[in-house]
Amino acid sequence: MSDQKLVQITVNKEMDERIQGTPLQRKGDETKSKKFYIESYGCAMNFNDSEIVASVLDTMDYGNTQNIEEADLILVNTCSIREKAEKTIRKRLEFYNSLKKTNPNIKVGVLGCMAERLKSTLLEEEKIVDLMAGPDAYRDLPNLIAKAEGGDKSINVFLSRVETYDDIMPSRLDQNGISSFISIMRGCDNMCTFCVVPFTRGRERSREPYSILAEAEDLFQKGYREVTLLGQNVDSYKWTNPETGEHMTFAQLLVMVAKVHPDMRVRFSTSHPKDITDDVLFAIRDYENICNYIHLPLQAGSSRILELMNRTYDQEWYLNKVKRIYDIIPDCAISSDMMTGFCSETVEDHEETLKVMEIAQYSMSYMFAYSDRPGTPAHKKFEDDVPEKEKKRRLAEVIRLQNQISFAHNQRDIGKVFKVLIEGNSKRSDEDFKGKTSQNKVVNFAKKGDLKKGDYTFVKIISGTSASLRGEIVKQ
């Protein structure tokens, strides 16, 4: 993961603990007298939040630009999940300072989780920061910006128990025009001891389902052909109709969105193993356009470490859940998160993680060394006692094993035919398309006929690496 270069992020990278910034852009802002520029870091929720921010700014005299040097307002949507993420953002603030030296009228705002975690201290430490807004305070941006333009520092990091932004249609910024995100809930009630999310995004609250459906229908009408339903823990989605008392589960919501149109693919992320139900698995099995892919974070394979993490399951329970997924959806691809070097983790604990990886056969994983985060239960209760060198050694083992498993996973696809959604040109050649299978695997293949971005085609796999597949278009 690079923390130096801004890159265009694609939807298939969303739930990686990515520390890459993306300038978000939108057409049709030529009539606005001022320009804003947004960089987003971290998870897909932040990228989706930036689109909400763009909608809020659309009510003001601000148009979007991808040229940071012509911006009157620079907003950075931040991530606090790891120390590396915050260091990356502080480096970017140094760059913004150089811009302020040549244009002192530029205003700089920090949004998101880092704003929530550090609150007013960031305004004091970084003299160039003019305003701060937490994840639940984006409606207040017009007021915060007005104060900043008047010369006053402004901050709102109030965490709400009800805010879902369900009445704000996000402004679709620089995505591929084919895949997009829909936020279905905010916050998290799980108290994993290593995680800052409950403290930076607040408690769980679910969005009204018919606003989600309206957003999905709007996206399809605009030409989008894939949506990813987002939440810190989508499987705990729960909404109660205030008039009838009727409850809606995540499985029911998933089916409702799938019925928008059979050509609209539906993905979701992220699932907590303790909450994903058979009803969700049956929905994936029964609806062709609900993708055969589940991100099911493990974090650690040792039951002792899982208990310290407060993950609420042990190794046996997790592996039974994996088996259940494969029993109901045999061709499902499962990905995961793995963390090495959590407090008191031994070599034996680490080997249990490798064992689970071998059994689960993840198609891919997001892997990282444990980063002690101030304010979390782990920071307060446990000692971060695994040396950094040993954390990295274990991480290298996990990465090496996952690469081997991913390679074997992709080799097993050779000779199979998959329905692929074309996302655009391949990165390597304009003569090739790239797309994704239902299993969330990237496929590159030679262009043929009058196919275009947004079309579906059938592709036979002819080769594969640990990262992607190579195929050729076939008739089906």
Protein backbone atom coordinates (compact mmCIF):
# COMPACT_ATOMS: atom_id res chain seq x y z
CA MET A 1 0.00 0.00 0.00
CA SER A 2 1.52 3.27 -1.09
CA ASP A 3 1.23 6.29 1.14
CA GLN A 4 3.08 8.60 -1.20
CA LYS A 5 1.30 8.83 -4.55
CA LEU A 6 -2.29 9.79 -5.25
CA VAL A 7 -3.99 7.17 -7.36
CA GLN A 8 -7.39 6.63 -8.90
CA ILE A 9 -9.03 3.97 -6.74
CA THR A 10 -11.47 1.46 -8.18
CA VAL A 11 -14.43 -0.03 -6.40
CA ASN A 12 -12.88 -3.48 -6.09
CA LYS A 13 -10.25 -2.11 -3.68
CA GLU A 14 -12.74 -0.66 -1.29
CA MET A 15 -12.36 -2.56 1.96
CA ASP A 16 -8.63 -2.84 1.99
CA GLU A 17 -7.16 -0.78 4.80
CA ARG A 18 -5.98 1.43 1.95
CA ILE A 19 -3.89 4.42 2.64
CA GLN A 20 -4.10 5.88 -0.87
CA GLY A 21 -5.64 9.23 -1.58
CA THR A 22 -7.94 9.90 -4.49
CA PRO A 23 -8.86 13.32 -5.87
CA LEU A 24 -12.61 13.24 -6.45
CA GLN A 25 -13.98 15.14 -9.41
CA ARG A 26 -17.29 15.95 -11.02
CA LYS A 27 -18.40 17.57 -14.24
CA GLY A 28 -20.79 20.48 -14.51
CA ASP A 29 -19.26 22.79 -11.90
CA GLU A 30 -18.18 25.53 -14.32
CA THR A 31 -20.84 27.97 -13.07
CA LYS A 32 -19.54 28.04 -9.49
CA SER A 33 -17.23 30.92 -8.55
CA LYS A 34 -15.18 28.90 -6.06
CA LYS A 35 -13.54 25.49 -6.30
CA PHE A 36 -13.18 22.68 -3.78
CA TYR A 37 -10.86 19.70 -3.91
CA ILE A 38 -11.33 16.50 -1.90
CA GLU A 39 -8.84 13.78 -1.09
CA SER A 40 -10.20 10.62 0.53
CA TYR A 41 -8.23 8.09 2.55
CA GLY A 42 -9.10 4.74 4.08
CA CYS A 43 -12.20 2.64 3.62
CA ALA A 44 -15.02 2.83 1.09
CA MET A 45 -17.23 4.56 3.64
CA ASN A 46 -14.93 7.58 3.47
CA PHE A 47 -15.14 7.69 -0.32
CA ASN A 48 -18.93 7.49 -0.10
CA ASP A 49 -18.93 10.20 2.57
CA SER A 50 -16.94 12.45 0.23
CA GLU A 51 -19.79 12.16 -2.26
CA ILE A 52 -22.20 13.25 0.47
CA VAL A 53 -19.91 16.20 1.19
CA ALA A 54 -19.92 17.09 -2.52
CA SER A 55 -23.73 17.16 -2.46
CA VAL A 56 -23.70 19.47 0.54
CA LEU A 57 -21.19 21.80 -1.14
CA ASP A 58 -23.35 21.78 -4.26
CA THR A 59 -25.81 23.92 -2.28
CA MET A 60 -23.06 26.53 -1.93
CA ASP A 61 -21.02 28.50 -4.43
CA TYR A 62 -18.43 25.72 -4.72
CA GLY A 63 -17.68 23.58 -7.75
CA ASN A 64 -15.36 20.60 -7.76
CA THR A 65 -11.88 20.56 -9.28
CA GLN A 66 -9.23 17.89 -9.60
CA ASN A 67 -6.50 20.51 -9.81
CA ILE A 68 -5.50 21.20 -6.22
CA GLU A 69 -3.62 24.36 -7.18
CA GLU A 70 -6.81 26.11 -8.35
CA ALA A 71 -8.80 25.13 -5.23
CA ASP A 72 -10.18 27.72 -2.82
CA LEU A 73 -11.08 24.96 -0.37
CA ILE A 74 -9.10 21.76 0.24
CA LEU A 75 -10.85 18.99 2.16
CA VAL A 76 -9.13 15.79 3.26
CA ASN A 77 -11.38 12.94 4.37
CA THR A 78 -9.28 11.03 6.84
CA CYS A 79 -8.70 7.57 8.27
CA SER A 80 -7.52 6.73 11.80
CA ILE A 81 -7.53 2.95 11.69
CA ARG A 82 -3.75 2.73 11.68
CA GLU A 83 -0.92 5.02 12.73
CA LYS A 84 0.44 4.88 9.17
CA ALA A 85 -2.80 6.40 7.89
CA GLU A 86 -2.53 9.40 10.19
CA LYS A 87 1.14 9.89 9.33
CA THR A 88 0.24 9.93 5.65
CA ILE A 89 -2.37 12.63 6.22
CA ARG A 90 0.03 14.75 8.28
CA LYS A 91 2.46 14.62 5.36
CA ARG A 92 -0.29 15.86 3.07
CA LEU A 93 -0.99 18.72 5.49
CA GLU A 94 2.64 19.77 5.08
CA PHE A 95 2.04 19.95 1.33
CA TYR A 96 -1.11 22.03 1.84
CA ASN A 97 0.99 24.41 3.93
CA SER A 98 3.27 24.99 0.92
CA LEU A 99 0.19 25.91 -1.12
CA LYS A 100 -0.97 28.31 1.57
CA LYS A 101 2.34 30.11 1.38
CA THR A 102 1.63 31.04 -2.23
CA ASN A 103 -2.12 31.49 -1.75
CA PRO A 104 -2.95 32.45 1.85
CA ASN A 105 -6.67 32.58 1.05
CA ILE A 106 -6.94 28.79 0.66
CA LYS A 107 -8.95 27.14 3.42
CA VAL A 108 -8.07 23.63 4.57
CA GLY A 109 -10.54 21.29 6.24
CA VAL A 110 -10.06 17.89 7.87
CA LEU A 111 -13.05 15.55 7.70
CA GLY A 112 -13.84 12.07 8.96
CA CYS A 113 -12.35 9.76 11.54
CA MET A 114 -9.11 11.64 12.22
CA ALA A 115 -11.10 14.80 12.86
CA GLU A 116 -13.28 12.90 15.31
CA ARG A 117 -10.37 11.20 17.09
CA LEU A 118 -8.07 14.21 17.46
CA LYS A 119 -10.75 16.90 17.67
CA SER A 120 -9.45 20.38 18.50
CA THR A 121 -5.87 19.21 19.08
CA LEU A 122 -5.36 18.98 15.33
CA LEU A 123 -6.44 22.60 14.92
CA GLU A 124 -3.82 23.55 17.48
CA GLU A 125 -1.03 21.31 16.17
CA GLU A 126 -1.53 22.01 12.47
CA LYS A 127 -1.83 25.77 12.13
CA ILE A 128 -2.94 25.45 8.52
CA VAL A 129 -6.16 23.57 9.38
CA ASP A 130 -9.11 25.98 9.28
CA LEU A 131 -12.04 23.67 9.93
CA MET A 132 -12.82 20.16 11.11
CA ALA A 133 -15.95 18.06 10.66
CA GLY A 134 -16.57 14.59 12.02
CA PRO A 135 -18.44 11.87 10.07
CA ASP A 136 -21.82 12.97 11.41
CA ALA A 137 -21.33 16.72 10.92
CA TYR A 138 -21.32 17.15 7.15
CA ARG A 139 -24.66 18.96 7.11
CA ASP A 140 -22.94 21.69 9.12
CA LEU A 141 -20.24 22.31 6.50
CA PRO A 142 -21.84 25.49 5.08
CA ASN A 143 -21.70 27.02 8.56
CA LEU A 144 -18.17 25.75 9.27
CA ILE A 145 -16.88 27.01 5.92
CA ALA A 146 -18.50 30.41 6.41
CA LYS A 147 -16.77 30.78 9.78
CA ALA A 148 -13.43 29.73 8.27
CA GLU A 149 -13.84 32.24 5.44
CA GLY A 150 -14.51 34.87 8.09
CA GLY A 151 -11.17 34.14 9.71
CA ASP A 152 -12.32 31.91 12.58
CA LYS A 153 -11.31 28.30 13.19
CA SER A 154 -14.40 26.06 13.21
CA ILE A 155 -15.08 22.53 14.39
CA ASN A 156 -18.01 20.14 14.70
CA VAL A 157 -17.27 16.55 15.68
CA PHE A 158 -20.58 15.77 17.33
CA LEU A 159 -21.46 12.07 17.02
CA SER A 160 -25.12 11.46 16.29
CA ARG A 161 -27.27 8.47 17.18
CA VAL A 162 -29.64 9.13 14.27
CA GLU A 163 -27.72 10.67 11.35
CA THR A 164 -27.72 8.48 8.23
CA TYR A 165 -27.82 11.17 5.48
CA ASP A 166 -30.64 9.14 3.94
CA ASP A 167 -32.21 12.24 2.37
CA ILE A 168 -28.99 13.32 0.63
CA MET A 169 -28.34 11.82 -2.80
CA PRO A 170 -24.54 11.56 -3.07
CA SER A 171 -22.91 13.39 -5.96
CA ARG A 172 -21.19 10.68 -7.99
CA LEU A 173 -17.63 11.83 -8.31
CA ASP A 174 -14.69 10.13 -9.98
CA GLN A 175 -15.70 6.51 -10.15
CA ASN A 176 -15.72 4.44 -13.32
CA GLY A 177 -19.36 5.19 -14.11
CA ILE A 178 -20.14 1.49 -13.78
CA SER A 179 -19.61 0.65 -10.09
CA SER A 180 -20.68 2.67 -7.08
CA PHE A 181 -21.27 2.52 -3.35
CA ILE A 182 -24.48 2.81 -1.36
CA SER A 183 -24.17 3.37 2.38
CA ILE A 184 -26.86 1.38 4.23
CA MET A 185 -25.80 2.04 7.83
CA ARG A 186 -23.32 3.99 9.90
CA GLY A 187 -21.32 3.31 13.03
CA CYS A 188 -20.55 0.08 14.85
CA ASP A 189 -21.74 -1.53 18.09
CA ASN A 190 -18.98 -4.14 18.16
CA MET A 191 -16.20 -3.29 20.55
CA CYS A 192 -13.24 -5.11 19.01
CA THR A 193 -10.45 -4.12 21.33
CA PHE A 194 -8.08 -3.04 18.54
CA CYS A 195 -10.55 -0.84 16.65
CA VAL A 196 -11.20 2.92 16.74
CA VAL A 197 -14.39 2.83 14.65
CA PRO A 198 -16.93 2.85 17.53
CA PHE A 199 -15.17 5.95 18.89
CA THR A 200 -14.81 7.79 15.57
CA ARG A 201 -18.10 6.84 13.87
CA GLY A 202 -20.39 6.21 16.81
CA ARG A 203 -23.10 3.64 17.38
CA GLU A 204 -24.91 1.63 14.73
CA ARG A 205 -27.92 3.13 12.99
CA SER A 206 -29.51 1.78 9.85
CA ARG A 207 -30.73 3.79 6.92
CA GLU A 208 -34.36 3.79 5.83
CA PRO A 209 -34.61 1.00 3.18
CA TYR A 210 -36.68 2.83 0.61
CA SER A 211 -34.13 5.61 0.33
CA ILE A 212 -31.53 2.89 -0.34
CA LEU A 213 -33.78 1.41 -3.01
CA ALA A 214 -34.31 4.84 -4.59
CA GLU A 215 -30.55 5.39 -4.74
CA ALA A 216 -30.00 1.98 -6.36
CA GLU A 217 -32.71 2.68 -8.96
CA ASP A 218 -31.21 6.10 -9.68
CA LEU A 219 -27.78 4.58 -10.21
CA PHE A 220 -29.13 1.97 -12.61
CA GLN A 221 -30.97 4.63 -14.62
CA LYS A 222 -27.69 6.57 -14.87
CA GLY A 223 -25.91 3.56 -16.36
CA TYR A 224 -24.30 2.03 -13.29
CA ARG A 225 -24.32 -1.75 -13.31
CA GLU A 226 -22.84 -2.64 -9.93
CA VAL A 227 -23.49 -1.38 -6.41
CA THR A 228 -21.72 -2.25 -3.19
CA LEU A 229 -23.85 -1.95 -0.05
CA LEU A 230 -21.63 -0.43 2.62
CA GLY A 231 -21.50 -0.53 6.38
CA GLN A 232 -19.04 -1.22 9.16
CA ASN A 233 -21.07 -4.39 9.73
CA VAL A 234 -23.76 -4.76 7.06
CA ASP A 235 -25.13 -8.01 8.48
CA SER A 236 -26.34 -6.22 11.59
CA TYR A 237 -28.50 -3.91 9.46
CA LYS A 238 -31.86 -3.58 11.17
CA TRP A 239 -34.67 -1.17 10.42
CA THR A 240 -38.10 -1.00 12.00
CA ASN A 241 -41.02 0.60 10.23
CA PRO A 242 -42.26 3.22 12.73
CA GLU A 243 -45.85 2.85 11.50
CA THR A 244 -46.24 -0.93 11.30
CA GLY A 245 -43.47 -2.15 13.60
CA GLU A 246 -42.31 -4.45 10.79
CA HIS A 247 -38.60 -5.30 10.85
CA MET A 248 -36.32 -5.48 7.85
CA THR A 249 -33.16 -7.60 7.96
CA PHE A 250 -30.07 -7.31 5.83
CA ALA A 251 -31.07 -10.42 3.86
CA GLN A 252 -34.41 -8.80 2.98
CA LEU A 253 -32.71 -5.55 2.00
CA LEU A 254 -30.24 -7.46 -0.15
CA VAL A 255 -33.05 -9.13 -2.08
CA MET A 256 -34.94 -5.84 -2.44
CA VAL A 257 -31.91 -4.17 -4.05
CA ALA A 258 -31.24 -7.22 -6.25
CA LYS A 259 -34.76 -6.90 -7.65
CA VAL A 260 -34.06 -3.38 -8.96
CA HIS A 261 -32.88 -5.03 -12.19
CA PRO A 262 -31.26 -8.37 -13.02
CA ASP A 263 -28.45 -6.48 -14.78
CA MET A 264 -27.56 -4.62 -11.58
CA ARG A 265 -24.92 -6.56 -9.70
CA VAL A 266 -25.02 -6.31 -5.92
CA ARG A 267 -22.06 -6.67 -3.58
CA PHE A 268 -21.74 -5.87 0.12
CA SER A 269 -19.05 -5.17 2.65
CA THR A 270 -18.15 -5.74 5.39
CA SER A 271 -19.58 -8.79 7.16
CA HIS A 272 -18.87 -9.64 10.77
CA PRO A 273 -18.70 -13.45 11.03
CA LYS A 274 -20.99 -13.46 14.07
CA ASP A 275 -23.85 -11.75 12.21
CA ILE A 276 -23.96 -13.20 8.70
CA THR A 277 -27.02 -15.47 8.48
CA ASP A 278 -28.13 -18.39 6.35
CA ASP A 279 -30.79 -16.11 4.88
CA VAL A 280 -28.02 -13.94 3.42
CA LEU A 281 -26.32 -17.01 2.00
CA PHE A 282 -29.58 -18.25 0.48
CA ALA A 283 -30.12 -14.84 -1.11
CA ILE A 284 -26.68 -15.02 -2.73
CA ARG A 285 -27.42 -18.54 -3.93
CA ASP A 286 -30.87 -17.73 -5.31
CA TYR A 287 -30.20 -14.40 -7.05
CA GLU A 288 -27.72 -14.51 -9.92
CA ASN A 289 -26.97 -10.80 -9.66
CA ILE A 290 -25.97 -10.97 -5.97
CA CYS A 291 -22.28 -11.68 -6.31
CA ASN A 292 -20.73 -14.92 -5.09
CA TYR A 293 -18.25 -13.12 -2.90
CA ILE A 294 -18.10 -12.53 0.85
CA HIS A 295 -15.51 -10.53 2.76
CA LEU A 296 -15.34 -12.32 6.12
CA PRO A 297 -12.58 -10.84 8.30
CA LEU A 298 -10.76 -13.36 10.46
CA GLN A 299 -8.22 -11.00 12.13
CA ALA A 300 -6.46 -13.89 13.91
CA GLY A 301 -6.62 -17.68 13.87
CA SER A 302 -5.87 -18.28 17.54
CA SER A 303 -8.94 -18.61 19.75
CA ARG A 304 -7.00 -17.05 22.62
CA ILE A 305 -6.14 -13.96 20.56
CA LEU A 306 -9.69 -13.75 19.19
CA GLU A 307 -10.96 -13.59 22.76
CA LEU A 308 -8.51 -10.80 23.59
CA MET A 309 -9.73 -8.99 20.47
CA ASN A 310 -13.36 -9.43 21.63
CA ARG A 311 -14.30 -10.87 18.25
CA THR A 312 -17.02 -13.01 19.96
CA TYR A 313 -16.12 -16.21 18.08
CA ASP A 314 -13.36 -18.79 18.28
CA GLN A 315 -11.47 -20.63 15.58
CA GLU A 316 -13.85 -23.59 15.46
CA TRP A 317 -16.91 -21.38 15.17
CA TYR A 318 -15.32 -19.32 12.38
CA LEU A 319 -14.31 -22.39 10.38
CA ASN A 320 -17.82 -23.80 10.73
CA LYS A 321 -19.15 -20.55 9.26
CA VAL A 322 -16.71 -20.85 6.35
CA LYS A 323 -17.86 -24.43 5.79
CA ARG A 324 -21.48 -23.31 5.84
CA ILE A 325 -20.77 -20.71 3.16
CA TYR A 326 -19.12 -23.26 0.90
CA ASP A 327 -21.91 -25.79 1.53
CA ILE A 328 -24.62 -23.34 0.42
CA ILE A 329 -22.59 -21.48 -2.25
CA PRO A 330 -19.90 -23.89 -3.53
CA ASP A 331 -18.41 -21.37 -5.97
CA CYS A 332 -18.31 -18.51 -3.46
CA ALA A 333 -15.03 -16.62 -3.07
CA ILE A 334 -14.21 -15.60 0.49
CA SER A 335 -11.68 -12.90 1.35
CA SER A 336 -10.43 -11.86 4.75
CA ASP A 337 -8.49 -9.48 6.98
CA MET A 338 -5.47 -10.73 8.92
CA MET A 339 -3.55 -8.94 11.62
CA THR A 340 -0.15 -10.08 12.88
CA GLY A 341 1.48 -9.27 16.20
CA PHE A 342 -1.55 -8.41 18.33
CA CYS A 343 -0.83 -8.01 22.04
CA SER A 344 0.79 -11.14 23.55
CA GLU A 345 0.56 -13.11 20.27
CA THR A 346 3.02 -16.00 20.32
CA VAL A 347 4.56 -17.91 17.44
CA GLU A 348 2.06 -20.69 18.18
CA ASP A 349 -0.82 -18.21 17.96
CA HIS A 350 0.55 -16.97 14.66
CA GLU A 351 0.71 -20.51 13.29
CA GLU A 352 -2.99 -20.90 14.07
CA THR A 353 -3.66 -18.00 11.69
CA LEU A 354 -1.70 -19.79 8.97
CA LYS A 355 -3.70 -22.94 9.68
CA VAL A 356 -7.05 -21.17 9.24
CA MET A 357 -5.83 -19.58 5.99
CA GLU A 358 -5.00 -23.02 4.60
CA ILE A 359 -8.43 -24.37 5.52
CA ALA A 360 -10.49 -21.34 4.46
CA GLN A 361 -8.74 -20.95 1.10
CA TYR A 362 -9.28 -17.20 0.82
CA SER A 363 -9.29 -15.82 -2.71
CA MET A 364 -7.43 -12.78 -1.36
CA SER A 365 -6.82 -10.97 1.93
CA TYR A 366 -5.94 -7.60 3.39
CA MET A 367 -2.97 -8.18 5.66
CA PHE A 368 -1.22 -5.87 8.07
CA ALA A 369 0.75 -5.73 11.29
CA TYR A 370 -1.06 -4.67 14.46
CA SER A 371 -0.98 -0.94 15.10
CA ASP A 372 -1.71 0.20 18.65
CA ARG A 373 -4.32 2.95 18.53
CA PRO A 374 -4.71 5.38 21.45
CA GLY A 375 -8.14 5.29 23.05
CA THR A 376 -8.97 1.71 22.12
CA PRO A 377 -9.60 -0.96 24.79
CA ALA A 378 -6.43 -2.79 23.70
CA HIS A 379 -4.37 0.36 24.24
CA LYS A 380 -5.82 0.75 27.72
CA LYS A 381 -5.78 -2.90 28.83
CA PHE A 382 -2.96 -4.69 27.03
CA GLU A 383 0.72 -4.23 26.37
CA ASP A 384 1.81 -3.91 22.75
CA ASP A 385 4.59 -6.37 23.44
CA VAL A 386 5.36 -8.03 20.10
CA PRO A 387 8.49 -6.39 18.64
CA GLU A 388 7.94 -4.55 15.39
CA LYS A 389 10.51 -6.70 13.62
CA GLU A 390 8.65 -9.85 14.65
CA LYS A 391 5.30 -8.37 13.58
CA LYS A 392 6.74 -7.76 10.13
CA ARG A 393 8.31 -11.22 9.95
CA ARG A 394 4.94 -12.82 10.70
CA LEU A 395 3.23 -10.48 8.26
CA ALA A 396 5.66 -11.56 5.54
CA GLU A 397 4.74 -15.20 6.24
CA VAL A 398 1.03 -14.40 6.01
CA ILE A 399 1.50 -12.49 2.75
CA ARG A 400 3.61 -15.27 1.25
CA LEU A 401 1.04 -17.92 2.14
CA GLN A 402 -1.87 -15.84 0.86
CA ASN A 403 -0.08 -15.27 -2.44
CA GLN A 404 0.36 -19.03 -2.79
CA ILE A 405 -3.31 -19.69 -1.97
CA SER A 406 -4.50 -16.92 -4.30
CA PHE A 407 -2.37 -18.30 -7.12
CA ALA A 408 -3.78 -21.80 -6.63
CA HIS A 409 -7.29 -20.33 -6.32
CA ASN A 410 -6.92 -18.59 -9.68
CA GLN A 411 -5.31 -21.60 -11.33
CA ARG A 412 -8.43 -23.60 -10.53
CA ASP A 413 -10.41 -21.13 -12.63
CA ILE A 414 -8.49 -21.96 -15.82
CA GLY A 415 -10.88 -23.47 -18.35
CA LYS A 416 -13.98 -22.11 -16.60
CA VAL A 417 -16.32 -19.57 -18.18
CA PHE A 418 -17.46 -16.56 -16.16
CA LYS A 419 -19.91 -13.75 -16.76
CA VAL A 420 -17.80 -10.59 -16.60
CA LEU A 421 -18.87 -6.98 -16.17
CA ILE A 422 -16.66 -4.79 -18.36
CA GLU A 423 -15.29 -1.86 -16.33
CA GLY A 424 -13.14 -0.28 -19.03
CA ASN A 425 -9.73 -0.60 -20.62
CA SER A 426 -7.05 -2.75 -19.05
CA LYS A 427 -4.29 -0.86 -17.26
CA ARG A 428 -1.69 -2.60 -19.42
CA SER A 429 -3.20 -2.15 -22.86
CA ASP A 430 -5.98 -0.21 -24.53
CA GLU A 431 -6.42 -3.26 -26.75
CA ASP A 432 -7.77 -5.16 -23.75
CA PHE A 433 -10.78 -4.81 -21.48
CA LYS A 434 -10.73 -5.38 -17.76
CA GLY A 435 -13.67 -6.55 -15.74
CA LYS A 436 -14.69 -8.53 -12.69
CA THR A 437 -16.29 -11.87 -12.16
CA SER A 438 -19.04 -12.43 -9.63
CA GLN A 439 -16.26 -13.70 -7.32
CA ASN A 440 -14.68 -10.22 -7.39
CA LYS A 441 -11.70 -11.36 -9.45
CA VAL A 442 -10.15 -9.03 -12.01
CA VAL A 443 -10.04 -10.44 -15.56
CA ASN A 444 -8.19 -8.96 -18.53
CA PHE A 445 -9.19 -10.02 -22.05
CA ALA A 446 -8.83 -8.86 -25.66
CA LYS A 447 -11.55 -6.60 -27.03
CA LYS A 448 -13.95 -8.15 -29.48
CA GLY A 449 -16.92 -6.96 -31.49
CA ASP A 450 -18.88 -3.91 -30.38
CA LEU A 451 -18.69 -4.56 -26.64
CA LYS A 452 -18.20 -1.52 -24.42
CA LYS A 453 -17.80 -0.49 -20.80
CA GLY A 454 -20.86 -1.50 -18.80
CA ASP A 455 -21.67 -4.54 -20.93
CA TYR A 456 -21.62 -8.11 -19.70
CA THR A 457 -19.78 -10.79 -21.64
CA PHE A 458 -18.73 -14.38 -21.09
CA VAL A 459 -15.02 -14.98 -20.70
CA LYS A 460 -13.13 -18.26 -20.62
CA ILE A 461 -10.11 -18.16 -18.31
CA ILE A 462 -6.85 -19.16 -19.99
CA SER A 463 -4.28 -18.19 -17.34
CA GLY A 464 -3.93 -16.59 -13.94
CA THR A 465 -1.50 -15.07 -11.48
CA SER A 466 -2.01 -14.56 -7.75
CA ALA A 467 -3.57 -11.14 -8.48
CA SER A 468 -5.67 -11.50 -11.64
CA LEU A 469 -6.95 -13.68 -14.45
CA ARG A 470 -6.46 -13.66 -18.21
CA GLY A 471 -9.29 -14.77 -20.47
CA GLU A 472 -10.87 -14.70 -23.90
CA ILE A 473 -14.43 -13.82 -24.94
CA VAL A 474 -16.60 -16.82 -25.81
CA LYS A 475 -20.17 -17.29 -26.94
CA GLN A 476 -22.59 -18.58 -24.30
